[in-house]
């Protein structure tokens, strides 16, 4: 049995209550629980990609650099993939 933590559970309940389009969640265990409950998710990096596609931000690379230098863990592969999707490189 896969369980979400209390905060994720509350977020999923709110998602259902307000009939949201997507649930912002990065934790893989939480994403798995959301999928089981037919909740569409998006991660932080997905939000950045959508923001660039909609012209809300010009570049993702500088933001990824900030995230890399923070306490947030991002695998090298996910960084490469996001930059490829955004047609960017780290500079």
N, C-alpha and C. Protein backbone atom coordinates (compact mmCIF):
# COMPACT_ATOMS: atom_id res chain seq x y z
N UNK A 1 0.85 -1.18 0.00
CA UNK A 1 0.00 0.00 0.00
C UNK A 1 0.89 1.24 0.00
N UNK A 2 0.58 2.17 -0.88
CA UNK A 2 1.33 3.42 -0.98
C UNK A 2 0.51 4.52 -0.31
N UNK A 3 1.12 5.22 0.63
CA UNK A 3 0.44 6.30 1.33
C UNK A 3 1.13 7.62 1.08
N UNK A 4 0.35 8.69 1.00
CA UNK A 4 0.90 10.05 0.88
C UNK A 4 0.99 10.63 2.28
N UNK A 5 1.83 11.65 2.44
CA UNK A 5 1.88 12.30 3.75
C UNK A 5 0.65 13.20 3.92
N UNK A 6 0.50 13.76 5.11
CA UNK A 6 -0.71 14.53 5.43
C UNK A 6 -0.91 15.72 4.51
N UNK A 7 0.17 16.44 4.20
CA UNK A 7 0.06 17.61 3.33
C UNK A 7 -0.37 17.24 1.92
N UNK A 8 0.22 16.16 1.41
CA UNK A 8 -0.14 15.70 0.07
C UNK A 8 -1.59 15.22 0.04
N UNK A 9 -2.01 14.54 1.09
CA UNK A 9 -3.39 14.07 1.17
C UNK A 9 -4.36 15.26 1.15
N UNK A 10 -4.04 16.29 1.93
CA UNK A 10 -4.89 17.50 1.95
C UNK A 10 -4.93 18.14 0.57
N UNK A 11 -3.79 18.21 -0.10
CA UNK A 11 -3.74 18.80 -1.43
C UNK A 11 -4.59 18.00 -2.42
N UNK A 12 -4.56 16.69 -2.31
CA UNK A 12 -5.36 15.84 -3.20
C UNK A 12 -6.85 16.01 -2.92
N UNK A 13 -7.21 16.14 -1.66
CA UNK A 13 -8.62 16.38 -1.32
C UNK A 13 -9.09 17.72 -1.88
N UNK A 14 -8.24 18.74 -1.75
CA UNK A 14 -8.58 20.06 -2.30
C UNK A 14 -8.70 20.00 -3.81
N UNK A 15 -7.79 19.29 -4.48
CA UNK A 15 -7.83 19.09 -5.93
C UNK A 15 -9.20 18.57 -6.34
N UNK A 16 -9.66 17.53 -5.64
CA UNK A 16 -10.96 16.94 -5.95
C UNK A 16 -12.10 17.91 -5.64
N UNK A 17 -11.97 18.61 -4.51
CA UNK A 17 -13.03 19.52 -4.07
C UNK A 17 -13.25 20.67 -5.05
N UNK A 18 -12.16 21.24 -5.57
CA UNK A 18 -12.30 22.40 -6.46
C UNK A 18 -12.25 22.00 -7.93
N UNK A 19 -12.13 20.70 -8.20
CA UNK A 19 -12.08 20.18 -9.56
C UNK A 19 -10.95 20.84 -10.35
N UNK A 20 -9.76 20.80 -9.78
CA UNK A 20 -8.58 21.43 -10.38
C UNK A 20 -8.13 20.68 -11.64
N UNK A 21 -7.35 21.35 -12.45
CA UNK A 21 -6.80 20.74 -13.66
C UNK A 21 -5.61 19.84 -13.36
N UNK A 22 -4.73 20.32 -12.48
CA UNK A 22 -3.52 19.57 -12.14
C UNK A 22 -3.17 19.83 -10.68
N UNK A 23 -2.43 18.89 -10.11
CA UNK A 23 -1.92 19.02 -8.76
C UNK A 23 -0.41 19.19 -8.85
N UNK A 24 0.12 20.26 -8.27
CA UNK A 24 1.56 20.50 -8.25
C UNK A 24 2.17 19.64 -7.16
N UNK A 25 2.99 18.68 -7.58
CA UNK A 25 3.62 17.77 -6.62
C UNK A 25 4.90 17.22 -7.25
N UNK A 26 5.97 17.24 -6.48
CA UNK A 26 7.25 16.76 -6.99
C UNK A 26 7.63 15.40 -6.42
N UNK A 27 7.17 15.07 -5.25
CA UNK A 27 7.52 13.83 -4.57
C UNK A 27 6.98 12.62 -5.34
N UNK A 28 7.87 11.67 -5.66
CA UNK A 28 7.46 10.51 -6.46
C UNK A 28 6.41 9.67 -5.76
N UNK A 29 6.54 9.48 -4.47
CA UNK A 29 5.54 8.68 -3.75
C UNK A 29 4.18 9.37 -3.82
N UNK A 30 4.15 10.68 -3.65
CA UNK A 30 2.90 11.44 -3.75
C UNK A 30 2.31 11.36 -5.15
N UNK A 31 3.17 11.41 -6.16
CA UNK A 31 2.70 11.29 -7.55
C UNK A 31 2.06 9.92 -7.79
N UNK A 32 2.67 8.89 -7.20
CA UNK A 32 2.11 7.53 -7.36
C UNK A 32 0.72 7.44 -6.73
N UNK A 33 0.57 8.02 -5.55
CA UNK A 33 -0.74 8.02 -4.88
C UNK A 33 -1.75 8.82 -5.71
N UNK A 34 -1.31 9.95 -6.23
CA UNK A 34 -2.20 10.77 -7.07
C UNK A 34 -2.66 9.99 -8.30
N UNK A 35 -1.74 9.28 -8.93
CA UNK A 35 -2.08 8.50 -10.13
C UNK A 35 -3.13 7.44 -9.80
N UNK A 36 -2.94 6.76 -8.67
CA UNK A 36 -3.91 5.75 -8.24
C UNK A 36 -5.29 6.36 -8.08
N UNK A 37 -5.32 7.62 -7.65
CA UNK A 37 -6.59 8.32 -7.40
C UNK A 37 -7.05 9.16 -8.59
N UNK A 38 -6.47 8.90 -9.76
CA UNK A 38 -6.87 9.57 -11.00
C UNK A 38 -6.73 11.09 -10.90
N UNK A 39 -5.63 11.52 -10.29
CA UNK A 39 -5.34 12.94 -10.16
C UNK A 39 -4.19 13.27 -11.10
N UNK A 40 -4.42 14.23 -11.97
CA UNK A 40 -3.39 14.65 -12.92
C UNK A 40 -2.40 15.57 -12.21
N UNK A 41 -1.12 15.27 -12.37
CA UNK A 41 -0.09 16.03 -11.66
C UNK A 41 0.82 16.78 -12.61
N UNK A 42 1.52 17.74 -12.05
CA UNK A 42 2.60 18.45 -12.73
C UNK A 42 3.64 18.77 -11.67
N UNK A 43 4.90 18.69 -12.06
CA UNK A 43 5.98 19.02 -11.14
C UNK A 43 6.45 20.44 -11.33
N UNK A 44 7.34 20.86 -10.47
CA UNK A 44 7.87 22.23 -10.54
C UNK A 44 8.54 22.51 -11.89
N UNK A 45 9.27 21.54 -12.39
CA UNK A 45 9.94 21.74 -13.68
C UNK A 45 8.94 21.78 -14.82
N UNK A 46 7.87 21.04 -14.69
CA UNK A 46 6.78 21.11 -15.68
C UNK A 46 6.14 22.48 -15.69
N UNK A 47 6.01 23.09 -14.52
CA UNK A 47 5.45 24.45 -14.44
C UNK A 47 6.38 25.42 -15.16
N UNK A 48 7.68 25.25 -14.99
CA UNK A 48 8.63 26.12 -15.69
C UNK A 48 8.52 25.96 -17.20
N UNK A 49 8.38 24.73 -17.66
CA UNK A 49 8.24 24.49 -19.11
C UNK A 49 6.96 25.14 -19.65
N UNK A 50 5.87 25.00 -18.94
CA UNK A 50 4.61 25.62 -19.37
C UNK A 50 4.75 27.14 -19.38
N UNK A 51 5.40 27.68 -18.35
CA UNK A 51 5.59 29.14 -18.28
C UNK A 51 6.39 29.63 -19.47
N UNK A 52 7.42 28.90 -19.87
CA UNK A 52 8.20 29.31 -21.04
C UNK A 52 7.37 29.20 -22.31
N UNK A 53 6.64 28.10 -22.45
CA UNK A 53 5.81 27.90 -23.64
C UNK A 53 4.79 29.02 -23.80
N UNK A 54 4.29 29.52 -22.69
CA UNK A 54 3.27 30.57 -22.72
C UNK A 54 3.87 31.98 -22.75
N UNK A 55 5.19 32.07 -22.78
CA UNK A 55 5.86 33.36 -22.85
C UNK A 55 5.91 34.11 -21.53
N UNK A 56 5.69 33.42 -20.43
CA UNK A 56 5.72 34.06 -19.12
C UNK A 56 7.14 34.24 -18.59
N UNK A 57 8.03 33.37 -19.04
CA UNK A 57 9.46 33.50 -18.74
C UNK A 57 10.22 33.28 -20.04
N UNK A 58 11.40 33.86 -20.14
CA UNK A 58 12.19 33.73 -21.37
C UNK A 58 13.12 32.52 -21.36
N UNK A 59 13.64 32.20 -20.17
CA UNK A 59 14.61 31.11 -20.06
C UNK A 59 14.37 30.29 -18.80
N UNK A 60 14.63 29.00 -18.93
CA UNK A 60 14.53 28.10 -17.79
C UNK A 60 15.90 27.87 -17.17
N UNK A 61 16.96 27.89 -17.98
CA UNK A 61 18.30 27.56 -17.51
C UNK A 61 18.74 28.33 -16.27
N UNK A 62 18.55 29.66 -16.21
CA UNK A 62 18.97 30.36 -14.99
C UNK A 62 18.20 29.91 -13.74
N UNK A 63 16.95 29.55 -13.92
CA UNK A 63 16.15 29.08 -12.79
C UNK A 63 16.59 27.69 -12.36
N UNK A 64 16.95 26.86 -13.32
CA UNK A 64 17.48 25.54 -12.99
C UNK A 64 18.80 25.66 -12.23
N UNK A 65 19.62 26.62 -12.62
CA UNK A 65 20.88 26.84 -11.91
C UNK A 65 20.62 27.22 -10.46
N UNK A 66 19.64 28.07 -10.24
CA UNK A 66 19.28 28.44 -8.87
C UNK A 66 18.81 27.23 -8.08
N UNK A 67 17.98 26.41 -8.70
CA UNK A 67 17.49 25.21 -8.03
C UNK A 67 18.63 24.24 -7.72
N UNK A 68 19.56 24.11 -8.68
CA UNK A 68 20.70 23.20 -8.48
C UNK A 68 21.56 23.62 -7.29
N UNK A 69 21.63 24.92 -7.05
CA UNK A 69 22.45 25.45 -5.96
C UNK A 69 21.67 25.60 -4.66
N UNK A 70 20.48 25.03 -4.62
CA UNK A 70 19.66 25.08 -3.41
C UNK A 70 19.66 23.70 -2.75
N UNK A 71 18.83 23.53 -1.77
CA UNK A 71 18.72 22.23 -1.09
C UNK A 71 17.84 21.25 -1.85
N UNK A 72 17.28 21.67 -2.97
CA UNK A 72 16.41 20.81 -3.77
C UNK A 72 17.26 19.92 -4.66
N UNK A 73 17.01 18.63 -4.62
CA UNK A 73 17.77 17.69 -5.45
C UNK A 73 17.11 17.54 -6.81
N UNK A 74 17.90 17.73 -7.85
CA UNK A 74 17.48 17.46 -9.22
C UNK A 74 18.54 16.57 -9.86
N UNK A 75 18.12 15.46 -10.42
CA UNK A 75 19.09 14.59 -11.08
C UNK A 75 19.62 15.28 -12.34
N UNK A 76 20.83 14.92 -12.71
CA UNK A 76 21.43 15.49 -13.93
C UNK A 76 20.57 15.16 -15.14
N UNK A 77 20.01 13.94 -15.15
CA UNK A 77 19.19 13.53 -16.31
C UNK A 77 17.94 14.38 -16.44
N UNK A 78 17.28 14.71 -15.32
CA UNK A 78 16.06 15.52 -15.43
C UNK A 78 16.41 16.93 -15.89
N UNK A 79 17.55 17.45 -15.46
CA UNK A 79 17.99 18.78 -15.90
C UNK A 79 18.24 18.78 -17.40
N UNK A 80 18.95 17.77 -17.87
CA UNK A 80 19.23 17.65 -19.31
C UNK A 80 17.93 17.55 -20.10
N UNK A 81 17.02 16.72 -19.62
CA UNK A 81 15.73 16.53 -20.32
C UNK A 81 14.93 17.82 -20.38
N UNK A 82 14.85 18.54 -19.27
CA UNK A 82 14.07 19.78 -19.24
C UNK A 82 14.71 20.82 -20.16
N UNK A 83 16.02 20.92 -20.14
CA UNK A 83 16.70 21.87 -21.02
C UNK A 83 16.48 21.51 -22.49
N UNK A 84 16.51 20.23 -22.81
CA UNK A 84 16.24 19.80 -24.19
C UNK A 84 14.84 20.18 -24.60
N UNK A 85 13.86 19.93 -23.71
CA UNK A 85 12.46 20.28 -24.01
C UNK A 85 12.28 21.78 -24.20
N UNK A 86 13.11 22.55 -23.50
CA UNK A 86 13.01 24.01 -23.58
C UNK A 86 13.91 24.58 -24.67
N UNK A 87 14.61 23.70 -25.39
CA UNK A 87 15.58 24.14 -26.41
C UNK A 87 16.62 25.09 -25.84
N UNK A 88 17.18 24.70 -24.69
CA UNK A 88 18.18 25.51 -24.00
C UNK A 88 19.36 24.64 -23.58
N UNK A 89 20.42 25.33 -23.15
CA UNK A 89 21.57 24.69 -22.55
C UNK A 89 21.94 25.47 -21.30
N UNK A 90 22.63 24.80 -20.38
CA UNK A 90 23.15 25.51 -19.20
C UNK A 90 24.38 26.28 -19.64
N UNK A 91 24.44 27.54 -19.22
CA UNK A 91 25.56 28.35 -19.66
C UNK A 91 26.43 28.79 -18.63
